[in-house]
């Protein structure tokens, strides 16, 4: 009986918080990029993300996003153009998404496991005008870059990673020092009803299919996870190891911290053996997962230092 009462009150609390979520007109000047700017203005020095030993503040993240916006504008990208993003989980991936949408363009998140025909399909089927890719995926892009150009991709930009590979001659290297970090004026004109990004299905029944995500859908989903399910405060930190090309990572991870001003511990890929140590080290108290991750965690051998936990 006690558990049942607890469940009822818990559900009542969720419904009460959900009732506070108010719809907004699709003509409202509001967007993912505007939310990032707001966080950077209100708490520029607070941690936004911890990634591979480096901490990035909201102010630093916003500046990096603005530089990517400037880079794209120099390459002729304008509102409504589609920019495909092909990078593993890292700070630059989130900054690239933000930089694209800040100028009213549309980000298209490409599964980093793709290559050859499926990769060309995903970039081509949404009418991509431009491609941003990471050094870590250079081999996949090298194999299709000529076909992409033939299909209408006007340009390709290279984002360094380990700096073990130089920018290829068929791409343009993004250098932060070449651009200013001022907020682009275009962000103020981006509306909730505007298309923000594409997320692709897994492709289990054929080639992947693109799903449209407006700024309003991103806002509503992010606010639902942040305010209702997590009841996330600014002092919270979420552990994120899901790929950023996945809607769960965009809504539950990037979206939640953008809405709440909280922070993220970002991992390139999931590691069952390292998760608990990293949770403790970085004080994460929220976690986004898909069911399969729990199975991997349960299969981990019990350690002596966890014997009493």
Protein backbone atom coordinates (compact mmCIF):
# COMPACT_ATOMS: atom_id res chain seq x y z
CA UNK A 1 0.00 0.00 0.00
CA UNK A 2 2.81 2.40 0.89
CA UNK A 3 4.47 1.85 -2.48
CA UNK A 4 1.16 2.44 -4.27
CA UNK A 5 0.59 5.72 -2.42
CA UNK A 6 4.15 6.77 -3.23
CA UNK A 7 3.52 6.02 -6.90
CA UNK A 8 0.30 8.06 -6.89
CA UNK A 9 1.95 11.09 -5.29
CA UNK A 10 4.95 10.74 -7.58
CA UNK A 11 2.69 10.71 -10.64
CA UNK A 12 0.74 13.67 -9.25
CA UNK A 13 4.00 15.58 -8.91
CA UNK A 14 4.95 14.77 -12.50
CA UNK A 15 1.54 15.87 -13.79
CA UNK A 16 1.72 19.09 -11.78
CA UNK A 17 5.11 19.94 -13.27
CA UNK A 18 3.93 18.97 -16.74
CA UNK A 19 0.97 21.34 -16.44
CA UNK A 20 3.41 24.25 -16.20
CA UNK A 21 4.70 23.61 -19.71
CA UNK A 22 3.01 26.22 -21.85
CA UNK A 23 2.73 26.07 -25.64
CA UNK A 24 4.19 28.96 -27.58
CA UNK A 25 3.35 30.32 -31.01
CA UNK A 26 5.52 28.94 -33.84
CA UNK A 27 6.09 32.60 -34.78
CA UNK A 28 7.89 33.27 -31.48
CA UNK A 29 11.48 34.41 -31.89
CA UNK A 30 13.11 31.63 -29.89
CA UNK A 31 15.49 28.81 -30.79
CA UNK A 32 18.23 26.45 -29.66
CA UNK A 33 20.83 29.08 -30.56
CA UNK A 34 19.01 31.78 -28.61
CA UNK A 35 18.90 29.53 -25.52
CA UNK A 36 22.66 29.00 -25.71
CA UNK A 37 23.18 32.76 -25.99
CA UNK A 38 20.96 33.32 -22.95
CA UNK A 39 22.97 30.87 -20.84
CA UNK A 40 26.23 32.44 -21.99
CA UNK A 41 24.97 35.88 -21.04
CA UNK A 42 23.56 34.91 -17.64
CA UNK A 43 26.39 32.64 -16.43
CA UNK A 44 29.30 32.83 -18.89
CA UNK A 45 31.91 31.29 -16.58
CA UNK A 46 29.86 28.33 -15.34
CA UNK A 47 30.69 24.86 -16.62
CA UNK A 48 28.73 23.71 -19.65
CA UNK A 49 30.55 20.50 -20.53
CA UNK A 50 33.44 18.34 -19.35
CA UNK A 51 35.03 16.31 -22.14
CA UNK A 52 38.26 14.30 -22.18
CA UNK A 53 39.83 16.24 -19.34
CA UNK A 54 38.84 19.70 -20.57
CA UNK A 55 36.16 21.95 -19.11
CA UNK A 56 34.23 24.33 -21.37
CA UNK A 57 32.10 27.15 -19.95
CA UNK A 58 28.83 28.40 -21.42
CA UNK A 59 30.62 31.55 -22.58
CA UNK A 60 33.38 29.58 -24.29
CA UNK A 61 30.89 27.24 -25.92
CA UNK A 62 28.81 30.13 -27.24
CA UNK A 63 31.92 31.80 -28.65
CA UNK A 64 32.98 28.60 -30.43
CA UNK A 65 29.48 28.22 -31.88
CA UNK A 66 29.57 31.81 -33.13
CA UNK A 67 32.91 31.20 -34.85
CA UNK A 68 31.42 28.22 -36.66
CA UNK A 69 28.48 30.43 -37.68
CA UNK A 70 30.95 32.97 -39.11
CA UNK A 71 32.83 30.21 -40.92
CA UNK A 72 29.64 28.96 -42.54
CA UNK A 73 28.52 32.46 -43.51
CA UNK A 74 31.89 32.99 -45.20
CA UNK A 75 31.21 29.83 -47.17
CA UNK A 76 27.87 31.19 -48.37
CA UNK A 77 25.56 29.25 -46.05
CA UNK A 78 22.31 31.13 -45.42
CA UNK A 79 18.99 30.58 -43.65
CA UNK A 80 17.25 27.45 -44.91
CA UNK A 81 20.40 25.75 -46.19
CA UNK A 82 21.10 22.25 -44.88
CA UNK A 83 24.46 21.50 -43.27
CA UNK A 84 25.29 17.86 -42.57
CA UNK A 85 27.38 17.18 -39.45
CA UNK A 86 29.51 14.04 -39.38
CA UNK A 87 31.51 13.93 -36.14
CA UNK A 88 31.85 11.71 -33.11
CA UNK A 89 30.71 12.94 -29.70
CA UNK A 90 32.82 15.96 -28.76
CA UNK A 91 32.33 19.60 -27.84
CA UNK A 92 32.77 20.68 -31.46
CA UNK A 93 29.82 18.53 -32.50
CA UNK A 94 27.41 20.38 -30.22
CA UNK A 95 29.02 23.69 -31.21
CA UNK A 96 28.61 22.83 -34.90
CA UNK A 97 24.90 22.08 -34.41
CA UNK A 98 24.49 25.37 -32.55
CA UNK A 99 26.54 27.32 -35.06
CA UNK A 100 24.40 26.02 -37.92
CA UNK A 101 21.04 26.83 -36.32
CA UNK A 102 22.17 30.25 -35.06
CA UNK A 103 22.15 31.53 -38.66
CA UNK A 104 18.83 29.87 -39.46
CA UNK A 105 20.33 26.97 -41.37
CA UNK A 106 19.32 23.36 -40.71
CA UNK A 107 21.67 20.83 -39.11
CA UNK A 108 21.54 17.22 -40.31
CA UNK A 109 23.09 14.77 -37.88
CA UNK A 110 24.69 11.83 -39.64
CA UNK A 111 25.28 8.44 -38.02
CA UNK A 112 29.05 8.12 -37.56
CA UNK A 113 28.95 4.40 -38.36
CA UNK A 114 27.88 5.02 -41.95
CA UNK A 115 30.01 4.89 -45.07
CA UNK A 116 29.73 4.57 -48.82
CA UNK A 117 26.15 4.34 -50.16
CA UNK A 118 24.28 4.87 -46.84
CA UNK A 119 26.47 7.88 -46.02
CA UNK A 120 25.87 9.46 -49.44
CA UNK A 121 22.15 8.73 -49.12
CA UNK A 122 21.81 10.52 -45.76
CA UNK A 123 23.72 13.58 -46.90
CA UNK A 124 21.92 13.70 -50.24
CA UNK A 125 18.31 12.88 -49.26
CA UNK A 126 17.88 16.09 -47.20
CA UNK A 127 19.45 18.23 -49.92
CA UNK A 128 22.62 19.06 -48.01
CA UNK A 129 24.38 22.21 -49.17
CA UNK A 130 27.43 21.81 -46.95
CA UNK A 131 29.24 19.20 -44.84
CA UNK A 132 31.14 19.57 -41.58
CA UNK A 133 33.17 16.50 -40.66
CA UNK A 134 35.70 15.46 -38.05
CA UNK A 135 39.24 14.25 -38.56
CA UNK A 136 38.26 10.98 -36.89
CA UNK A 137 35.97 10.16 -39.85
CA UNK A 138 38.20 11.29 -42.70
CA UNK A 139 38.41 7.87 -44.34
CA UNK A 140 34.63 7.61 -44.65
CA UNK A 141 34.33 11.06 -46.22
CA UNK A 142 37.34 10.59 -48.50
CA UNK A 143 35.61 7.67 -50.14
CA UNK A 144 32.52 9.67 -51.11
CA UNK A 145 33.59 13.33 -51.39
CA UNK A 146 33.57 13.38 -55.19
CA UNK A 147 30.08 11.91 -55.33
CA UNK A 148 28.88 14.45 -52.76
CA UNK A 149 30.17 17.30 -54.93
CA UNK A 150 28.38 15.85 -57.94
CA UNK A 151 25.17 15.68 -55.87
CA UNK A 152 25.22 19.38 -54.99
CA UNK A 153 27.25 19.67 -51.78
CA UNK A 154 28.92 23.07 -52.29
CA UNK A 155 31.68 22.69 -49.74
CA UNK A 156 33.23 20.53 -47.05
CA UNK A 157 34.94 21.71 -43.85
CA UNK A 158 37.39 19.72 -41.75
CA UNK A 159 37.49 19.84 -37.94
CA UNK A 160 40.74 18.62 -36.41
CA UNK A 161 40.70 16.19 -33.50
CA UNK A 162 43.92 14.40 -32.54
CA UNK A 163 45.82 16.41 -35.18
CA UNK A 164 47.37 13.22 -36.49
CA UNK A 165 45.89 13.80 -39.94
CA UNK A 166 46.11 17.02 -41.96
CA UNK A 167 43.19 18.63 -43.71
CA UNK A 168 42.79 17.02 -47.15
CA UNK A 169 43.05 19.16 -50.26
CA UNK A 170 39.37 18.67 -51.07
CA UNK A 171 38.22 20.29 -47.77
CA UNK A 172 38.66 23.59 -45.95
CA UNK A 173 40.05 23.48 -42.41
CA UNK A 174 38.13 25.27 -39.68
CA UNK A 175 40.48 27.44 -37.61
CA UNK A 176 39.00 29.20 -34.58
CA UNK A 177 41.51 32.03 -34.76
CA UNK A 178 40.22 33.11 -38.17
CA UNK A 179 36.82 34.25 -36.86
CA UNK A 180 35.33 36.53 -34.23
CA UNK A 181 33.09 35.12 -31.52
CA UNK A 182 30.29 37.67 -31.62
CA UNK A 183 26.69 36.52 -31.65
CA UNK A 184 25.36 36.48 -35.24
CA UNK A 185 22.43 38.86 -35.77
CA UNK A 186 20.51 36.15 -37.64
CA UNK A 187 19.75 34.28 -34.40
CA UNK A 188 17.18 36.87 -33.32
CA UNK A 189 15.16 36.13 -36.44
CA UNK A 190 14.97 32.35 -36.00
CA UNK A 191 11.43 31.24 -35.07
CA UNK A 192 10.19 28.29 -33.03
CA UNK A 193 8.37 26.98 -36.08
CA UNK A 194 11.56 26.95 -38.18
CA UNK A 195 13.22 23.66 -38.96
CA UNK A 196 16.22 23.13 -36.65
CA UNK A 197 17.69 19.76 -37.56
CA UNK A 198 17.20 16.31 -39.02
CA UNK A 199 17.53 13.08 -37.05
CA UNK A 200 17.74 9.80 -38.99
CA UNK A 201 16.16 6.44 -38.28
CA UNK A 202 18.54 3.53 -37.77
CA UNK A 203 17.87 2.08 -41.22
CA UNK A 204 16.89 -1.41 -40.07
CA UNK A 205 14.19 -1.65 -42.77
CA UNK A 206 16.19 -0.06 -45.55
CA UNK A 207 18.22 3.10 -45.88
CA UNK A 208 17.87 5.60 -43.00
CA UNK A 209 14.99 8.07 -43.18
CA UNK A 210 15.13 11.69 -42.01
CA UNK A 211 12.83 13.05 -39.30
CA UNK A 212 12.22 16.80 -39.10
CA UNK A 213 12.79 18.56 -35.78
CA UNK A 214 11.67 22.16 -35.42
CA UNK A 215 13.05 24.48 -32.77
CA UNK A 216 9.66 24.20 -31.05
CA UNK A 217 9.77 20.40 -30.90
CA UNK A 218 13.33 20.55 -29.59
CA UNK A 219 12.25 23.08 -26.95
CA UNK A 220 9.21 21.09 -25.83
CA UNK A 221 11.05 17.76 -25.63
CA UNK A 222 14.05 19.30 -23.86
CA UNK A 223 11.86 21.14 -21.37
CA UNK A 224 9.89 17.97 -20.66
CA UNK A 225 12.99 16.00 -19.76
CA UNK A 226 14.67 18.87 -17.90
CA UNK A 227 11.73 20.26 -15.93
CA UNK A 228 9.41 17.28 -15.56
CA UNK A 229 11.37 14.03 -15.55
CA UNK A 230 14.73 15.20 -14.18
CA UNK A 231 13.48 18.25 -12.27
CA UNK A 232 16.92 19.50 -13.27
CA UNK A 233 18.57 22.34 -11.40
CA UNK A 234 21.50 24.41 -12.57
CA UNK A 235 23.75 22.54 -10.12
CA UNK A 236 22.99 19.17 -11.74
CA UNK A 237 25.25 17.36 -14.19
CA UNK A 238 24.17 14.72 -16.69
CA UNK A 239 26.35 11.82 -17.85
CA UNK A 240 26.04 11.61 -21.63
CA UNK A 241 27.46 8.71 -23.62
CA UNK A 242 24.73 8.30 -26.25
CA UNK A 243 25.68 9.50 -29.75
CA UNK A 244 24.67 13.08 -30.51
CA UNK A 245 23.17 12.02 -33.84
CA UNK A 246 20.50 10.24 -31.77
CA UNK A 247 17.35 12.08 -30.62
CA UNK A 248 17.79 10.85 -27.03
CA UNK A 249 21.15 12.61 -26.78
CA UNK A 250 19.76 15.79 -28.32
CA UNK A 251 16.64 15.98 -26.13
CA UNK A 252 17.74 14.38 -22.86
CA UNK A 253 21.36 15.53 -22.94
CA UNK A 254 22.09 18.67 -24.92
CA UNK A 255 18.52 19.91 -24.73
CA UNK A 256 18.14 19.44 -20.97
CA UNK A 257 21.29 21.36 -20.07
CA UNK A 258 20.50 24.10 -22.56
CA UNK A 259 17.07 24.55 -21.03
CA UNK A 260 18.19 24.41 -17.39
CA UNK A 261 21.70 25.85 -17.53
CA UNK A 262 23.03 22.65 -15.96
CA UNK A 263 26.19 20.90 -17.17
CA UNK A 264 27.21 17.70 -18.94
CA UNK A 265 29.93 15.10 -18.73
CA UNK A 266 30.32 14.04 -22.36
CA UNK A 267 31.82 10.77 -23.48
CA UNK A 268 32.85 9.89 -27.01
CA UNK A 269 31.47 6.37 -26.57
CA UNK A 270 29.90 4.29 -23.82
CA UNK A 271 32.19 2.32 -21.50
CA UNK A 272 30.57 0.01 -18.94
CA UNK A 273 33.84 -0.49 -17.05
CA UNK A 274 34.52 3.23 -16.62
CA UNK A 275 31.03 4.59 -16.00
CA UNK A 276 30.92 4.32 -12.21
CA UNK A 277 34.38 5.84 -11.71
CA UNK A 278 33.48 8.75 -14.00
CA UNK A 279 30.14 9.31 -12.30
CA UNK A 280 31.96 9.68 -8.99
CA UNK A 281 34.83 11.75 -10.35
CA UNK A 282 32.63 14.27 -12.16
CA UNK A 283 29.68 14.29 -9.73
CA UNK A 284 27.05 13.42 -12.30
CA UNK A 285 23.57 12.83 -10.89
CA UNK A 286 21.54 12.40 -14.09
CA UNK A 287 21.98 9.73 -16.75
CA UNK A 288 20.55 9.24 -20.22
CA UNK A 289 20.47 5.69 -21.49
CA UNK A 290 18.86 3.19 -23.80
CA UNK A 291 17.88 -0.22 -22.44
CA UNK A 292 20.85 -2.11 -23.83
CA UNK A 293 23.29 -0.09 -21.72
CA UNK A 294 21.74 -1.47 -18.53
CA UNK A 295 22.41 -5.02 -19.69
CA UNK A 296 26.07 -4.19 -20.25
CA UNK A 297 26.30 -2.63 -16.78
CA UNK A 298 24.70 -5.64 -15.10
CA UNK A 299 27.24 -7.92 -16.76
CA UNK A 300 30.13 -6.01 -15.21
CA UNK A 301 31.97 -8.04 -12.52
CA UNK A 302 31.53 -6.74 -8.96
CA UNK A 303 34.61 -4.91 -7.73
CA UNK A 304 36.05 -5.11 -4.22
CA UNK A 305 35.74 -1.35 -3.71
CA UNK A 306 31.99 -1.62 -4.44
CA UNK A 307 31.38 -4.53 -2.09
CA UNK A 308 29.58 -2.41 0.48
CA UNK A 309 27.63 -0.27 -2.02
